[in-house]
Amino acid sequence: PDRIAAVGMVGAAQTQPWSWCTERRPVPMIAFHG
């Protein structure tokens, strides 16, 4: 999160559980999903 300013996702396959991410630094996110 110290290098990536923002992320984007299209049809993202999230195979890691949300609890895996312990980072709390805010990162802007935009997603598109059908």
PDB file of all heavy atoms in Angstrom:
ATOM      1  N   PRO A   1       0.810  -1.225   0.000  1.00  0.00           N
ATOM      2  CA  PRO A   1       0.000   0.000   0.000  1.00  0.00           C
ATOM      3  C   PRO A   1       0.837   1.267   0.000  1.00  0.00           C
ATOM      4  O   PRO A   1       0.305   2.359  -0.242  1.00  0.00           O
ATOM      5  CB  PRO A   1      -0.806  -0.130   1.302  1.00  0.00           C
ATOM      6  CG  PRO A   1       0.083  -0.920   2.206  1.00  0.00           C
ATOM      7  CD  PRO A   1       0.751  -1.923   1.306  1.00  0.00           C
ATOM      8  N   ASP A   2       2.135   1.138   0.250  1.00  0.00           N
ATOM      9  CA  ASP A   2       3.026   2.295   0.212  1.00  0.00           C
ATOM     10  C   ASP A   2       3.491   2.624  -1.202  1.00  0.00           C
ATOM     11  O   ASP A   2       4.110   3.665  -1.425  1.00  0.00           O
ATOM     12  CB  ASP A   2       4.244   2.051   1.104  1.00  0.00           C
ATOM     13  CG  ASP A   2       5.023   0.805   0.710  1.00  0.00           C
ATOM     14  OD1 ASP A   2       4.410  -0.143   0.190  1.00  0.00           O
ATOM     15  OD2 ASP A   2       6.251   0.771   0.927  1.00  0.00           O
ATOM     16  N   ARG A   3       3.153   1.733  -2.176  1.00  0.00           N
ATOM     17  CA  ARG A   3       3.584   1.972  -3.557  1.00  0.00           C
ATOM     18  C   ARG A   3       2.404   2.028  -4.526  1.00  0.00           C
ATOM     19  O   ARG A   3       2.474   2.702  -5.552  1.00  0.00           O
ATOM     20  CB  ARG A   3       4.558   0.878  -4.021  1.00  0.00           C
ATOM     21  CG  ARG A   3       5.784   0.742  -3.147  1.00  0.00           C
ATOM     22  CD  ARG A   3       6.836  -0.147  -3.794  1.00  0.00           C
ATOM     23  NE  ARG A   3       7.576   0.561  -4.844  1.00  0.00           N
ATOM     24  CZ  ARG A   3       8.588   0.024  -5.507  1.00  0.00           C
ATOM     25  NH1 ARG A   3       8.945  -1.236  -5.270  1.00  0.00           N
ATOM     26  NH2 ARG A   3       9.228   0.714  -6.430  1.00  0.00           N
ATOM     27  N   ILE A   4       1.340   1.286  -4.226  1.00  0.00           N
ATOM     28  CA  ILE A   4       0.178   1.230  -5.114  1.00  0.00           C
ATOM     29  C   ILE A   4      -0.829   2.292  -4.669  1.00  0.00           C
ATOM     30  O   ILE A   4      -1.373   2.223  -3.566  1.00  0.00           O
ATOM     31  CB  ILE A   4      -0.466  -0.166  -5.086  1.00  0.00           C
ATOM     32  CG1 ILE A   4       0.556  -1.238  -5.473  1.00  0.00           C
ATOM     33  CG2 ILE A   4      -1.677  -0.194  -5.998  1.00  0.00           C
ATOM     34  CD1 ILE A   4       1.111  -1.099  -6.867  1.00  0.00           C
ATOM     35  N   ALA A   5      -1.086   3.252  -5.541  1.00  0.00           N
ATOM     36  CA  ALA A   5      -1.959   4.375  -5.177  1.00  0.00           C
ATOM     37  C   ALA A   5      -3.425   3.984  -5.140  1.00  0.00           C
ATOM     38  O   ALA A   5      -4.185   4.463  -4.296  1.00  0.00           O
ATOM     39  CB  ALA A   5      -1.740   5.527  -6.153  1.00  0.00           C
ATOM     40  N   ALA A   6      -3.855   3.119  -6.057  1.00  0.00           N
ATOM     41  CA  ALA A   6      -5.249   2.688  -6.130  1.00  0.00           C
ATOM     42  C   ALA A   6      -5.303   1.413  -6.955  1.00  0.00           C
ATOM     43  O   ALA A   6      -4.385   1.117  -7.727  1.00  0.00           O
ATOM     44  CB  ALA A   6      -6.132   3.769  -6.756  1.00  0.00           C
ATOM     45  N   VAL A   7      -6.381   0.663  -6.795  1.00  0.00           N
ATOM     46  CA  VAL A   7      -6.506  -0.589  -7.541  1.00  0.00           C
ATOM     47  C   VAL A   7      -7.869  -0.657  -8.238  1.00  0.00           C
ATOM     48  O   VAL A   7      -8.840  -0.039  -7.811  1.00  0.00           O
ATOM     49  CB  VAL A   7      -6.322  -1.824  -6.632  1.00  0.00           C
ATOM     50  CG1 VAL A   7      -4.939  -1.844  -6.024  1.00  0.00           C
ATOM     51  CG2 VAL A   7      -7.389  -1.874  -5.547  1.00  0.00           C
ATOM     52  N   GLY A   8      -7.900  -1.462  -9.300  1.00  0.00           N
ATOM     53  CA  GLY A   8      -9.136  -1.712 -10.033  1.00  0.00           C
ATOM     54  C   GLY A   8      -9.298  -3.198 -10.282  1.00  0.00           C
ATOM     55  O   GLY A   8      -8.314  -3.922 -10.433  1.00  0.00           O
ATOM     56  N   MET A   9     -10.545  -3.668 -10.333  1.00  0.00           N
ATOM     57  CA  MET A   9     -10.818  -5.085 -10.495  1.00  0.00           C
ATOM     58  C   MET A   9     -11.996  -5.284 -11.433  1.00  0.00           C
ATOM     59  O   MET A   9     -12.988  -4.566 -11.345  1.00  0.00           O
ATOM     60  CB  MET A   9     -11.154  -5.722  -9.144  1.00  0.00           C
ATOM     61  CG  MET A   9     -10.095  -5.519  -8.086  1.00  0.00           C
ATOM     62  SD  MET A   9     -10.673  -6.135  -6.496  1.00  0.00           S
ATOM     63  CE  MET A   9      -9.294  -5.634  -5.464  1.00  0.00           C
ATOM     64  N   VAL A  10     -11.873  -6.282 -12.298  1.00  0.00           N
ATOM     65  CA  VAL A  10     -12.972  -6.647 -13.187  1.00  0.00           C
ATOM     66  C   VAL A  10     -13.199  -8.154 -13.054  1.00  0.00           C
ATOM     67  O   VAL A  10     -12.283  -8.945 -13.269  1.00  0.00           O
ATOM     68  CB  VAL A  10     -12.656  -6.288 -14.648  1.00  0.00           C
ATOM     69  CG1 VAL A  10     -13.803  -6.718 -15.551  1.00  0.00           C
ATOM     70  CG2 VAL A  10     -12.398  -4.790 -14.798  1.00  0.00           C
ATOM     71  N   GLY A  11     -14.411  -8.531 -12.672  1.00  0.00           N
ATOM     72  CA  GLY A  11     -14.718  -9.950 -12.501  1.00  0.00           C
ATOM     73  C   GLY A  11     -13.736 -10.632 -11.568  1.00  0.00           C
ATOM     74  O   GLY A  11     -13.322 -11.777 -11.827  1.00  0.00           O
ATOM     75  N   ALA A  12     -13.365  -9.958 -10.493  1.00  0.00           N
ATOM     76  CA  ALA A  12     -12.282 -10.454  -9.632  1.00  0.00           C
ATOM     77  C   ALA A  12     -12.655 -11.754  -8.928  1.00  0.00           C
ATOM     78  O   ALA A  12     -13.744 -11.879  -8.373  1.00  0.00           O
ATOM     79  CB  ALA A  12     -11.908  -9.394  -8.602  1.00  0.00           C
ATOM     80  N   ALA A  13     -11.731 -12.703  -8.958  1.00  0.00           N
ATOM     81  CA  ALA A  13     -11.872 -13.955  -8.222  1.00  0.00           C
ATOM     82  C   ALA A  13     -11.062 -13.833  -6.939  1.00  0.00           C
ATOM     83  O   ALA A  13      -9.829 -13.913  -6.966  1.00  0.00           O
ATOM     84  CB  ALA A  13     -11.374 -15.128  -9.061  1.00  0.00           C
ATOM     85  N   GLN A  14     -11.744 -13.602  -5.836  1.00  0.00           N
ATOM     86  CA  GLN A  14     -11.078 -13.393  -4.551  1.00  0.00           C
ATOM     87  C   GLN A  14     -10.962 -14.727  -3.812  1.00  0.00           C
ATOM     88  O   GLN A  14     -11.916 -15.184  -3.203  1.00  0.00           O
ATOM     89  CB  GLN A  14     -11.844 -12.355  -3.715  1.00  0.00           C
ATOM     90  CG  GLN A  14     -12.007 -11.009  -4.385  1.00  0.00           C
ATOM     91  CD  GLN A  14     -10.678 -10.272  -4.591  1.00  0.00           C
ATOM     92  OE1 GLN A  14      -9.618 -10.701  -4.142  1.00  0.00           O
ATOM     93  NE2 GLN A  14     -10.733  -9.142  -5.281  1.00  0.00           N
ATOM     94  N   THR A  15      -9.803 -15.333  -3.891  1.00  0.00           N
ATOM     95  CA  THR A  15      -9.605 -16.644  -3.270  1.00  0.00           C
ATOM     96  C   THR A  15      -8.950 -16.554  -1.902  1.00  0.00           C
ATOM     97  O   THR A  15      -8.811 -17.574  -1.224  1.00  0.00           O
ATOM     98  CB  THR A  15      -8.754 -17.542  -4.187  1.00  0.00           C
ATOM     99  OG1 THR A  15      -7.543 -16.860  -4.532  1.00  0.00           O
ATOM    100  CG2 THR A  15      -9.517 -17.867  -5.471  1.00  0.00           C
ATOM    101  N   GLN A  16      -8.556 -15.351  -1.510  1.00  0.00           N
ATOM    102  CA  GLN A  16      -8.082 -15.139  -0.142  1.00  0.00           C
ATOM    103  C   GLN A  16      -9.245 -14.603   0.689  1.00  0.00           C
ATOM    104  O   GLN A  16      -9.963 -13.713   0.239  1.00  0.00           O
ATOM    105  CB  GLN A  16      -6.930 -14.125  -0.100  1.00  0.00           C
ATOM    106  CG  GLN A  16      -5.589 -14.640  -0.608  1.00  0.00           C
ATOM    107  CD  GLN A  16      -4.876 -15.515   0.410  1.00  0.00           C
ATOM    108  OE1 GLN A  16      -5.463 -15.930   1.411  1.00  0.00           O
ATOM    109  NE2 GLN A  16      -3.617 -15.807   0.168  1.00  0.00           N
ATOM    110  N   PRO A  17      -9.446 -15.108   1.904  1.00  0.00           N
ATOM    111  CA  PRO A  17     -10.505 -14.547   2.747  1.00  0.00           C
ATOM    112  C   PRO A  17     -10.177 -13.113   3.134  1.00  0.00           C
ATOM    113  O   PRO A  17      -9.004 -12.732   3.211  1.00  0.00           O
ATOM    114  CB  PRO A  17     -10.496 -15.476   3.972  1.00  0.00           C
ATOM    115  CG  PRO A  17      -9.115 -16.029   4.022  1.00  0.00           C
ATOM    116  CD  PRO A  17      -8.691 -16.180   2.596  1.00  0.00           C
ATOM    117  N   TRP A  18     -11.205 -12.336   3.377  1.00  0.00           N
ATOM    118  CA  TRP A  18     -10.964 -10.935   3.729  1.00  0.00           C
ATOM    119  C   TRP A  18     -10.096 -10.818   4.980  1.00  0.00           C
ATOM    120  O   TRP A  18      -9.253  -9.919   5.079  1.00  0.00           O
ATOM    121  CB  TRP A  18     -12.286 -10.198   3.936  1.00  0.00           C
ATOM    122  CG  TRP A  18     -12.032  -8.753   4.223  1.00  0.00           C
ATOM    123  CD1 TRP A  18     -11.974  -8.140   5.434  1.00  0.00           C
ATOM    124  CD2 TRP A  18     -11.725  -7.750   3.255  1.00  0.00           C
ATOM    125  NE1 TRP A  18     -11.655  -6.811   5.293  1.00  0.00           N
ATOM    126  CE2 TRP A  18     -11.500  -6.547   3.955  1.00  0.00           C
ATOM    127  CE3 TRP A  18     -11.629  -7.751   1.864  1.00  0.00           C
ATOM    128  CZ2 TRP A  18     -11.175  -5.357   3.312  1.00  0.00           C
ATOM    129  CZ3 TRP A  18     -11.305  -6.565   1.221  1.00  0.00           C
ATOM    130  CH2 TRP A  18     -11.088  -5.384   1.934  1.00  0.00           C
ATOM    131  N   SER A  19     -10.248 -11.724   5.927  1.00  0.00           N
ATOM    132  CA  SER A  19      -9.483 -11.673   7.174  1.00  0.00           C
ATOM    133  C   SER A  19      -7.987 -11.819   6.943  1.00  0.00           C
ATOM    134  O   SER A  19      -7.186 -11.472   7.814  1.00  0.00           O
ATOM    135  CB  SER A  19      -9.963 -12.773   8.128  1.00  0.00           C
ATOM    136  OG  SER A  19      -9.832 -14.049   7.526  1.00  0.00           O
ATOM    137  N   TRP A  20      -7.601 -12.344   5.770  1.00  0.00           N
ATOM    138  CA  TRP A  20      -6.164 -12.491   5.473  1.00  0.00           C
ATOM    139  C   TRP A  20      -5.469 -11.146   5.429  1.00  0.00           C
ATOM    140  O   TRP A  20      -4.300 -11.022   5.798  1.00  0.00           O
ATOM    141  CB  TRP A  20      -6.006 -13.207   4.123  1.00  0.00           C
ATOM    142  CG  TRP A  20      -4.600 -13.186   3.602  1.00  0.00           C
ATOM    143  CD1 TRP A  20      -3.584 -14.037   3.922  1.00  0.00           C
ATOM    144  CD2 TRP A  20      -4.049 -12.231   2.681  1.00  0.00           C
ATOM    145  NE1 TRP A  20      -2.439 -13.684   3.246  1.00  0.00           N
ATOM    146  CE2 TRP A  20      -2.700 -12.577   2.480  1.00  0.00           C
ATOM    147  CE3 TRP A  20      -4.569 -11.127   2.005  1.00  0.00           C
ATOM    148  CZ2 TRP A  20      -1.854 -11.856   1.632  1.00  0.00           C
ATOM    149  CZ3 TRP A  20      -3.733 -10.410   1.163  1.00  0.00           C
ATOM    150  CH2 TRP A  20      -2.402 -10.772   0.982  1.00  0.00           C
ATOM    151  N   CYS A  21      -6.161 -10.116   4.979  1.00  0.00           N
ATOM    152  CA  CYS A  21      -5.555  -8.787   4.829  1.00  0.00           C
ATOM    153  C   CYS A  21      -5.610  -8.037   6.155  1.00  0.00           C
ATOM    154  O   CYS A  21      -6.678  -7.606   6.588  1.00  0.00           O
ATOM    155  CB  CYS A  21      -6.285  -8.000   3.739  1.00  0.00           C
ATOM    156  SG  CYS A  21      -5.576  -6.362   3.433  1.00  0.00           S
ATOM    157  N   THR A  22      -4.455  -7.884   6.767  1.00  0.00           N
ATOM    158  CA  THR A  22      -4.391  -7.176   8.050  1.00  0.00           C
ATOM    159  C   THR A  22      -3.988  -5.710   7.877  1.00  0.00           C
ATOM    160  O   THR A  22      -3.962  -4.965   8.852  1.00  0.00           O
ATOM    161  CB  THR A  22      -3.392  -7.866   8.990  1.00  0.00           C
ATOM    162  OG1 THR A  22      -2.100  -7.921   8.367  1.00  0.00           O
ATOM    163  CG2 THR A  22      -3.854  -9.287   9.312  1.00  0.00           C
ATOM    164  N   GLU A  23      -3.671  -5.317   6.655  1.00  0.00           N
ATOM    165  CA  GLU A  23      -3.286  -3.937   6.384  1.00  0.00           C
ATOM    166  C   GLU A  23      -4.501  -3.025   6.516  1.00  0.00           C
ATOM    167  O   GLU A  23      -5.563  -3.300   5.971  1.00  0.00           O
ATOM    168  CB  GLU A  23      -2.708  -3.832   4.972  1.00  0.00           C
ATOM    169  CG  GLU A  23      -2.390  -2.414   4.514  1.00  0.00           C
ATOM    170  CD  GLU A  23      -1.349  -1.731   5.387  1.00  0.00           C
ATOM    171  OE1 GLU A  23      -0.293  -2.345   5.656  1.00  0.00           O
ATOM    172  OE2 GLU A  23      -1.602  -0.580   5.803  1.00  0.00           O
ATOM    173  N   ARG A  24      -4.348  -1.941   7.250  1.00  0.00           N
ATOM    174  CA  ARG A  24      -5.460  -1.022   7.453  1.00  0.00           C
ATOM    175  C   ARG A  24      -5.250   0.323   6.775  1.00  0.00           C
ATOM    176  O   ARG A  24      -6.057   1.232   6.924  1.00  0.00           O
ATOM    177  CB  ARG A  24      -5.701  -0.820   8.964  1.00  0.00           C
ATOM    178  CG  ARG A  24      -6.244  -2.075   9.636  1.00  0.00           C
ATOM    179  CD  ARG A  24      -7.619  -2.437   9.084  1.00  0.00           C
ATOM    180  NE  ARG A  24      -8.127  -3.715   9.571  1.00  0.00           N
ATOM    181  CZ  ARG A  24      -8.056  -4.856   8.906  1.00  0.00           C
ATOM    182  NH1 ARG A  24      -7.483  -4.889   7.700  1.00  0.00           N
ATOM    183  NH2 ARG A  24      -8.540  -5.971   9.414  1.00  0.00           N
ATOM    184  N   ARG A  25      -4.173   0.449   6.034  1.00  0.00           N
ATOM    185  CA  ARG A  25      -3.958   1.686   5.298  1.00  0.00           C
ATOM    186  C   ARG A  25      -4.997   1.771   4.184  1.00  0.00           C
ATOM    187  O   ARG A  25      -5.154   0.835   3.392  1.00  0.00           O
ATOM    188  CB  ARG A  25      -2.559   1.711   4.696  1.00  0.00           C
ATOM    189  CG  ARG A  25      -2.276   2.963   3.879  1.00  0.00           C
ATOM    190  CD  ARG A  25      -0.806   3.064   3.524  1.00  0.00           C
ATOM    191  NE  ARG A  25      -0.528   4.224   2.701  1.00  0.00           N
ATOM    192  CZ  ARG A  25       0.678   4.717   2.491  1.00  0.00           C
ATOM    193  NH1 ARG A  25       1.726   4.130   3.057  1.00  0.00           N
ATOM    194  NH2 ARG A  25       0.857   5.768   1.729  1.00  0.00           N
ATOM    195  N   PRO A  26      -5.740   2.858   4.077  1.00  0.00           N
ATOM    196  CA  PRO A  26      -6.775   2.965   3.049  1.00  0.00           C
ATOM    197  C   PRO A  26      -6.180   2.954   1.633  1.00  0.00           C
ATOM    198  O   PRO A  26      -5.183   3.639   1.373  1.00  0.00           O
ATOM    199  CB  PRO A  26      -7.442   4.308   3.349  1.00  0.00           C
ATOM    200  CG  PRO A  26      -7.091   4.622   4.773  1.00  0.00           C
ATOM    201  CD  PRO A  26      -5.723   4.043   4.969  1.00  0.00           C
ATOM    202  N   VAL A  27      -6.779   2.178   0.774  1.00  0.00           N
ATOM    203  CA  VAL A  27      -6.383   2.132  -0.642  1.00  0.00           C
ATOM    204  C   VAL A  27      -7.649   2.285  -1.477  1.00  0.00           C
ATOM    205  O   VAL A  27      -8.571   1.471  -1.356  1.00  0.00           O
ATOM    206  CB  VAL A  27      -5.672   0.811  -0.986  1.00  0.00           C
ATOM    207  CG1 VAL A  27      -5.359   0.748  -2.486  1.00  0.00           C
ATOM    208  CG2 VAL A  27      -4.394   0.645  -0.176  1.00  0.00           C
ATOM    209  N   PRO A  28      -7.745   3.313  -2.316  1.00  0.00           N
ATOM    210  CA  PRO A  28      -8.930   3.478  -3.160  1.00  0.00           C
ATOM    211  C   PRO A  28      -9.126   2.266  -4.059  1.00  0.00           C
ATOM    212  O   PRO A  28      -8.160   1.677  -4.563  1.00  0.00           O
ATOM    213  CB  PRO A  28      -8.605   4.739  -3.977  1.00  0.00           C
ATOM    214  CG  PRO A  28      -7.571   5.463  -3.166  1.00  0.00           C
ATOM    215  CD  PRO A  28      -6.767   4.411  -2.493  1.00  0.00           C
ATOM    216  N   MET A  29     -10.389   1.894  -4.289  1.00  0.00           N
ATOM    217  CA  MET A  29     -10.687   0.704  -5.086  1.00  0.00           C
ATOM    218  C   MET A  29     -11.911   0.930  -5.952  1.00  0.00           C
ATOM    219  O   MET A  29     -12.908   1.489  -5.497  1.00  0.00           O
ATOM    220  CB  MET A  29     -10.912  -0.495  -4.158  1.00  0.00           C
ATOM    221  CG  MET A  29     -11.055  -1.838  -4.904  1.00  0.00           C
ATOM    222  SD  MET A  29     -12.737  -2.177  -5.510  1.00  0.00           S
ATOM    223  CE  MET A  29     -13.598  -2.598  -4.000  1.00  0.00           C
ATOM    224  N   ILE A  30     -11.821   0.474  -7.211  1.00  0.00           N
ATOM    225  CA  ILE A  30     -12.960   0.499  -8.118  1.00  0.00           C
ATOM    226  C   ILE A  30     -13.110  -0.895  -8.713  1.00  0.00           C
ATOM    227  O   ILE A  30     -12.127  -1.518  -9.105  1.00  0.00           O
ATOM    228  CB  ILE A  30     -12.787   1.573  -9.222  1.00  0.00           C
ATOM    229  CG1 ILE A  30     -14.026   1.619 -10.124  1.00  0.00           C
ATOM    230  CG2 ILE A  30     -11.515   1.369 -10.027  1.00  0.00           C
ATOM    231  CD1 ILE A  30     -14.033   2.810 -11.083  1.00  0.00           C
ATOM    232  N   ALA A  31     -14.353  -1.410  -8.737  1.00  0.00           N
ATOM    233  CA  ALA A  31     -14.599  -2.772  -9.211  1.00  0.00           C
ATOM    234  C   ALA A  31     -15.764  -2.790 -10.187  1.00  0.00           C
ATOM    235  O   ALA A  31     -16.686  -1.965 -10.115  1.00  0.00           O
ATOM    236  CB  ALA A  31     -14.883  -3.701  -8.036  1.00  0.00           C
ATOM    237  N   PHE A  32     -15.727  -3.771 -11.087  1.00  0.00           N
ATOM    238  CA  PHE A  32     -16.793  -4.010 -12.063  1.00  0.00           C
ATOM    239  C   PHE A  32     -17.106  -5.499 -12.015  1.00  0.00           C
ATOM    240  O   PHE A  32     -16.205  -6.335 -12.110  1.00  0.00           O
ATOM    241  CB  PHE A  32     -16.346  -3.620 -13.466  1.00  0.00           C
ATOM    242  CG  PHE A  32     -15.916  -2.187 -13.598  1.00  0.00           C
ATOM    243  CD1 PHE A  32     -14.645  -1.794 -13.198  1.00  0.00           C
ATOM    244  CD2 PHE A  32     -16.778  -1.224 -14.105  1.00  0.00           C
ATOM    245  CE1 PHE A  32     -14.233  -0.470 -13.310  1.00  0.00           C
ATOM    246  CE2 PHE A  32     -16.377   0.099 -14.217  1.00  0.00           C
ATOM    247  CZ  PHE A  32     -15.103   0.482 -13.808  1.00  0.00           C
ATOM    248  N   HIS A  33     -18.411  -5.832 -11.883  1.00  0.00           N
ATOM    249  CA  HIS A  33     -18.749  -7.250 -11.753  1.00  0.00           C
ATOM    250  C   HIS A  33     -20.144  -7.505 -12.313  1.00  0.00           C
ATOM    251  O   HIS A  33     -21.088  -6.772 -12.027  1.00  0.00           O
ATOM    252  CB  HIS A  33     -18.700  -7.675 -10.283  1.00  0.00           C
ATOM    253  CG  HIS A  33     -18.200  -9.069 -10.095  1.00  0.00           C
ATOM    254  ND1 HIS A  33     -16.942  -9.354  -9.622  1.00  0.00           N
ATOM    255  CD2 HIS A  33     -18.788 -10.263 -10.333  1.00  0.00           C
ATOM    256  CE1 HIS A  33     -16.773 -10.672  -9.561  1.00  0.00           C
ATOM    257  NE2 HIS A  33     -17.883 -11.242  -9.991  1.00  0.00           N
ATOM    258  N   GLY A  34     -20.253  -8.563 -13.111  1.00  0.00           N
ATOM    259  CA  GLY A  34     -21.523  -8.937 -13.696  1.00  0.00           C
ATOM    260  C   GLY A  34     -22.320  -9.866 -12.806  1.00  0.00           C
ATOM    261  O   GLY A  34     -21.755 -10.750 -12.152  1.00  0.00           O
TER     262      GLY A  34
END
